[in-house]
């Protein structure tokens, strides 16, 4: 039975308190053992540009309720059923790190990080992003669940599709501006723009602790129950330079710096 948390969702107010932006200095963050993201010929990325969604408590509650609804209680029958489908708790995304990824970055040292921050602070870059957004707030809608590889019975990544509210293409244009800047700086893969697919990951088989169990799981029952869920509409407040495997006190990825988006 679907939890009450999923029944209603409404557009978030533009007057929501701003989360604030971390200093461009590099304080010692809370260290954590993160899940490595490897893309393209085994290259490991160290940072990424994210649109944080974990700033919305009501969305975090929905993500947590989704996980708890599937995992259920700890009785043996339930655990055997999950095991047969290849599902375990470690595969679920933490509500504290819920986000959209714009582009993965490889910043090998402090000099690279400073150069990436300089891009975010560049007035010409900021003006181009704001122009792409038409200097107006942009909302996204998260609805349903889909398998990244298209086969629900052998799912690698289960995600909530993302669409721009109003379907004007402003967010996509802003993403392209951001990606181009980091590709030109040699911090992102040359084909990063063609690989862009804004999505909110809910479950990822690569997070599984025991890799011998395979890299897919059966998501058919999950999709049957949650495939049409409306997760809500949310304001994109900033593009953040996030550091992988390091977390701030909120539990979200360590913020090295950010570019605020229009709020009104």
Protein backbone atom coordinates (compact mmCIF):
# COMPACT_ATOMS: atom_id res chain seq x y z
CA UNK A 1 0.00 0.00 0.00
CA UNK A 2 1.45 3.34 -0.99
CA UNK A 3 2.43 5.61 1.83
CA UNK A 4 0.50 8.82 2.47
CA UNK A 5 3.69 10.74 1.76
CA UNK A 6 3.21 10.12 -1.95
CA UNK A 7 -0.38 11.25 -2.30
CA UNK A 8 0.09 14.99 -2.70
CA UNK A 9 2.85 17.26 -3.87
CA UNK A 10 2.87 20.96 -4.60
CA UNK A 11 5.21 23.46 -6.18
CA UNK A 12 7.75 24.77 -3.71
CA UNK A 13 7.45 28.44 -2.80
CA UNK A 14 9.95 30.85 -4.26
CA UNK A 15 10.19 32.39 -0.82
CA UNK A 16 11.76 29.28 0.70
CA UNK A 17 14.78 30.22 2.77
CA UNK A 18 17.99 30.12 0.75
CA UNK A 19 20.26 27.27 1.77
CA UNK A 20 23.29 29.51 1.56
CA UNK A 21 26.55 28.98 -0.28
CA UNK A 22 29.73 27.51 1.11
CA UNK A 23 32.93 29.46 1.07
CA UNK A 24 35.24 28.94 -1.86
CA UNK A 25 37.94 28.11 0.65
CA UNK A 26 38.39 24.40 1.26
CA UNK A 27 37.66 23.60 4.91
CA UNK A 28 38.13 20.09 6.17
CA UNK A 29 34.75 18.45 5.52
CA UNK A 30 33.29 15.42 7.18
CA UNK A 31 34.97 12.47 5.55
CA UNK A 32 32.88 9.55 4.43
CA UNK A 33 33.41 6.46 2.38
CA UNK A 34 31.55 7.32 -0.80
CA UNK A 35 30.58 5.21 -3.77
CA UNK A 36 32.97 5.73 -6.67
CA UNK A 37 31.51 6.85 -9.96
CA UNK A 38 33.45 5.49 -12.89
CA UNK A 39 32.55 6.50 -16.42
CA UNK A 40 34.19 5.89 -19.75
CA UNK A 41 37.27 3.67 -19.94
CA UNK A 42 37.66 3.37 -16.19
CA UNK A 43 38.21 7.07 -15.52
CA UNK A 44 37.40 8.04 -11.95
CA UNK A 45 35.84 11.46 -11.41
CA UNK A 46 36.54 13.43 -8.25
CA UNK A 47 33.89 16.17 -8.37
CA UNK A 48 30.69 17.00 -10.19
CA UNK A 49 28.26 19.83 -10.81
CA UNK A 50 25.04 19.06 -9.00
CA UNK A 51 21.58 20.50 -8.55
CA UNK A 52 20.94 19.68 -4.86
CA UNK A 53 17.47 18.34 -4.09
CA UNK A 54 18.21 17.13 -0.57
CA UNK A 55 17.49 20.69 0.60
CA UNK A 56 13.77 19.84 0.46
CA UNK A 57 12.70 17.98 3.65
CA UNK A 58 9.41 16.80 2.11
CA UNK A 59 11.26 15.20 -0.82
CA UNK A 60 13.72 13.52 1.54
CA UNK A 61 10.77 12.05 3.42
CA UNK A 62 9.36 10.64 0.19
CA UNK A 63 12.70 9.11 -0.79
CA UNK A 64 13.06 7.59 2.67
CA UNK A 65 9.47 6.30 2.63
CA UNK A 66 10.10 4.70 -0.78
CA UNK A 67 13.09 2.82 0.58
CA UNK A 68 11.33 1.73 3.78
CA UNK A 69 8.24 0.60 1.87
CA UNK A 70 10.33 -1.74 -0.26
CA UNK A 71 12.60 -3.04 2.48
CA UNK A 72 9.70 -3.53 4.89
CA UNK A 73 10.30 -5.39 8.12
CA UNK A 74 13.13 -7.77 8.84
CA UNK A 75 11.17 -11.02 8.74
CA UNK A 76 12.84 -13.90 6.98
CA UNK A 77 10.23 -14.26 4.21
CA UNK A 78 10.56 -10.60 3.24
CA UNK A 79 14.35 -10.80 3.21
CA UNK A 80 14.31 -13.95 1.09
CA UNK A 81 12.00 -12.27 -1.44
CA UNK A 82 14.28 -9.25 -1.67
CA UNK A 83 17.34 -11.46 -2.01
CA UNK A 84 15.69 -13.37 -4.86
CA UNK A 85 15.14 -10.08 -6.67
CA UNK A 86 18.70 -8.96 -6.01
CA UNK A 87 17.63 -6.09 -3.76
CA UNK A 88 19.49 -4.95 -0.65
CA UNK A 89 19.51 -1.80 1.45
CA UNK A 90 22.91 -0.58 0.23
CA UNK A 91 21.50 -0.05 -3.29
CA UNK A 92 19.21 2.80 -2.24
CA UNK A 93 20.32 6.40 -2.58
CA UNK A 94 20.56 8.29 0.70
CA UNK A 95 17.93 11.06 1.02
CA UNK A 96 20.72 13.31 2.33
CA UNK A 97 22.57 13.17 -1.00
CA UNK A 98 19.57 13.36 -3.34
CA UNK A 99 20.48 15.45 -6.37
CA UNK A 100 20.64 15.83 -10.15
CA UNK A 101 24.02 15.48 -11.83
CA UNK A 102 24.90 17.97 -14.58
CA UNK A 103 28.45 16.87 -15.40
CA UNK A 104 31.18 14.73 -13.86
CA UNK A 105 34.57 16.39 -13.35
CA UNK A 106 38.12 15.24 -12.82
CA UNK A 107 39.97 17.75 -10.63
CA UNK A 108 43.31 16.21 -9.75
CA UNK A 109 44.66 18.80 -7.31
CA UNK A 110 43.90 22.03 -5.46
CA UNK A 111 44.95 24.05 -8.49
CA UNK A 112 42.27 22.33 -10.57
CA UNK A 113 39.66 22.95 -7.88
CA UNK A 114 40.56 26.64 -7.79
CA UNK A 115 40.32 26.79 -11.59
CA UNK A 116 36.89 25.16 -11.48
CA UNK A 117 35.75 27.65 -8.86
CA UNK A 118 37.05 30.48 -11.04
CA UNK A 119 34.70 29.28 -13.78
CA UNK A 120 31.73 29.48 -11.41
CA UNK A 121 32.72 33.00 -10.33
CA UNK A 122 33.42 34.27 -13.84
CA UNK A 123 30.96 37.06 -14.68
CA UNK A 124 30.73 36.13 -18.33
CA UNK A 125 29.97 32.51 -17.46
CA UNK A 126 27.35 33.51 -14.90
CA UNK A 127 25.75 35.91 -17.38
CA UNK A 128 25.55 33.14 -20.00
CA UNK A 129 23.87 30.77 -17.55
CA UNK A 130 21.40 33.45 -16.45
CA UNK A 131 20.66 34.29 -20.10
CA UNK A 132 19.93 30.60 -20.78
CA UNK A 133 17.51 30.66 -17.84
CA UNK A 134 15.98 33.91 -19.13
CA UNK A 135 16.83 35.28 -15.67
CA UNK A 136 13.80 33.48 -14.27
CA UNK A 137 13.37 30.71 -11.69
CA UNK A 138 13.23 27.18 -13.06
CA UNK A 139 11.34 24.27 -11.53
CA UNK A 140 11.69 20.57 -12.25
CA UNK A 141 9.08 17.87 -11.91
CA UNK A 142 9.99 14.35 -10.78
CA UNK A 143 7.43 11.74 -11.71
CA UNK A 144 7.43 7.97 -11.94
CA UNK A 145 10.26 5.47 -12.09
CA UNK A 146 12.22 4.11 -15.03
CA UNK A 147 15.06 1.66 -15.61
CA UNK A 148 18.18 3.24 -17.06
CA UNK A 149 18.83 0.25 -19.30
CA UNK A 150 15.16 -0.19 -20.21
CA UNK A 151 14.79 -3.74 -18.86
CA UNK A 152 12.95 -3.75 -15.54
CA UNK A 153 13.76 -7.36 -14.73
CA UNK A 154 17.47 -6.64 -15.13
CA UNK A 155 17.74 -3.07 -13.89
CA UNK A 156 21.09 -1.46 -13.19
CA UNK A 157 19.80 1.99 -12.20
CA UNK A 158 16.23 2.83 -11.20
CA UNK A 159 15.54 6.55 -11.40
CA UNK A 160 12.85 9.21 -11.29
CA UNK A 161 12.58 10.97 -14.68
CA UNK A 162 13.05 14.75 -14.59
CA UNK A 163 11.31 17.33 -16.71
CA UNK A 164 11.34 21.11 -16.64
CA UNK A 165 8.04 22.61 -15.51
CA UNK A 166 6.76 24.62 -18.45
CA UNK A 167 8.88 22.66 -20.93
CA UNK A 168 10.69 25.76 -22.22
CA UNK A 169 14.10 24.12 -22.40
CA UNK A 170 15.72 26.79 -20.24
CA UNK A 171 17.31 24.36 -17.79
CA UNK A 172 18.73 22.22 -20.60
CA UNK A 173 20.28 25.30 -22.21
CA UNK A 174 21.81 26.30 -18.87
CA UNK A 175 23.21 22.79 -18.45
CA UNK A 176 24.81 23.00 -21.88
CA UNK A 177 26.47 26.31 -20.98
CA UNK A 178 27.83 24.76 -17.78
CA UNK A 179 29.06 21.61 -19.49
CA UNK A 180 30.73 23.51 -22.34
CA UNK A 181 32.70 25.63 -19.87
CA UNK A 182 34.10 22.61 -18.03
CA UNK A 183 34.77 20.66 -21.22
CA UNK A 184 36.72 23.63 -22.59
CA UNK A 185 38.73 23.69 -19.35
CA UNK A 186 39.55 19.98 -19.87
CA UNK A 187 37.85 19.04 -16.59
CA UNK A 188 35.01 17.07 -18.22
CA UNK A 189 34.85 14.45 -20.95
CA UNK A 190 34.51 15.82 -24.47
CA UNK A 191 31.26 13.93 -25.00
CA UNK A 192 29.75 15.07 -21.69
CA UNK A 193 27.04 17.15 -23.34
CA UNK A 194 25.81 14.26 -25.47
CA UNK A 195 25.69 12.06 -22.35
CA UNK A 196 23.59 14.51 -20.33
CA UNK A 197 20.45 12.90 -18.93
CA UNK A 198 19.01 14.69 -15.95
CA UNK A 199 17.58 12.07 -13.63
CA UNK A 200 17.21 11.40 -9.93
CA UNK A 201 18.72 8.04 -9.05
CA UNK A 202 16.70 6.04 -6.53
CA UNK A 203 18.53 2.69 -6.65
CA UNK A 204 21.82 1.64 -8.21
CA UNK A 205 23.02 -1.97 -8.38
CA UNK A 206 26.64 -0.81 -8.50
CA UNK A 207 26.24 0.32 -4.87
CA UNK A 208 25.74 -3.30 -3.84
CA UNK A 209 28.35 -4.34 -1.30
CA UNK A 210 28.67 -7.88 -2.58
CA UNK A 211 29.58 -7.47 -6.26
CA UNK A 212 29.46 -11.24 -6.78
CA UNK A 213 25.66 -11.00 -6.70
CA UNK A 214 25.69 -9.24 -10.04
CA UNK A 215 25.09 -5.72 -11.27
CA UNK A 216 21.34 -5.84 -11.88
CA UNK A 217 18.14 -6.41 -9.89
CA UNK A 218 14.50 -7.16 -10.62
CA UNK A 219 12.54 -3.89 -10.39
CA UNK A 220 9.26 -5.11 -11.90
CA UNK A 221 7.29 -5.20 -8.63
CA UNK A 222 8.74 -1.86 -7.54
CA UNK A 223 7.75 -0.28 -10.84
CA UNK A 224 4.28 -1.79 -10.63
CA UNK A 225 3.68 -0.09 -7.28
CA UNK A 226 5.61 3.15 -7.68
CA UNK A 227 5.91 3.62 -11.44
CA UNK A 228 3.42 6.50 -11.58
CA UNK A 229 4.32 8.32 -8.37
CA UNK A 230 4.48 12.09 -8.48
CA UNK A 231 7.52 13.06 -6.40
CA UNK A 232 6.72 16.75 -6.71
CA UNK A 233 7.96 19.97 -8.29
CA UNK A 234 11.06 21.70 -6.97
CA UNK A 235 12.93 24.92 -7.57
CA UNK A 236 16.53 24.57 -8.76
CA UNK A 237 18.26 26.98 -6.42
CA UNK A 238 21.89 26.59 -7.48
CA UNK A 239 24.50 24.71 -9.46
CA UNK A 240 27.01 23.37 -6.95
CA UNK A 241 30.58 22.16 -7.36
CA UNK A 242 30.33 19.03 -5.22
CA UNK A 243 33.16 16.82 -4.05
CA UNK A 244 32.63 13.09 -4.24
CA UNK A 245 33.06 10.93 -1.15
CA UNK A 246 33.18 13.93 1.20
CA UNK A 247 30.15 15.26 3.04
CA UNK A 248 29.20 18.44 4.85
CA UNK A 249 27.38 18.46 8.19
CA UNK A 250 24.02 18.18 6.39
CA UNK A 251 25.09 14.84 4.93
CA UNK A 252 25.18 16.29 1.42
CA UNK A 253 28.31 16.22 -0.73
CA UNK A 254 30.90 18.78 0.31
CA UNK A 255 30.22 22.09 -1.43
CA UNK A 256 33.37 23.66 -2.86
CA UNK A 257 31.40 26.54 -4.35
CA UNK A 258 28.18 27.30 -6.16
CA UNK A 259 26.41 29.46 -8.71
CA UNK A 260 23.03 30.76 -7.43
CA UNK A 261 20.09 30.48 -9.81
CA UNK A 262 17.25 33.06 -10.02
CA UNK A 263 14.83 32.78 -7.11
CA UNK A 264 12.21 35.30 -8.22
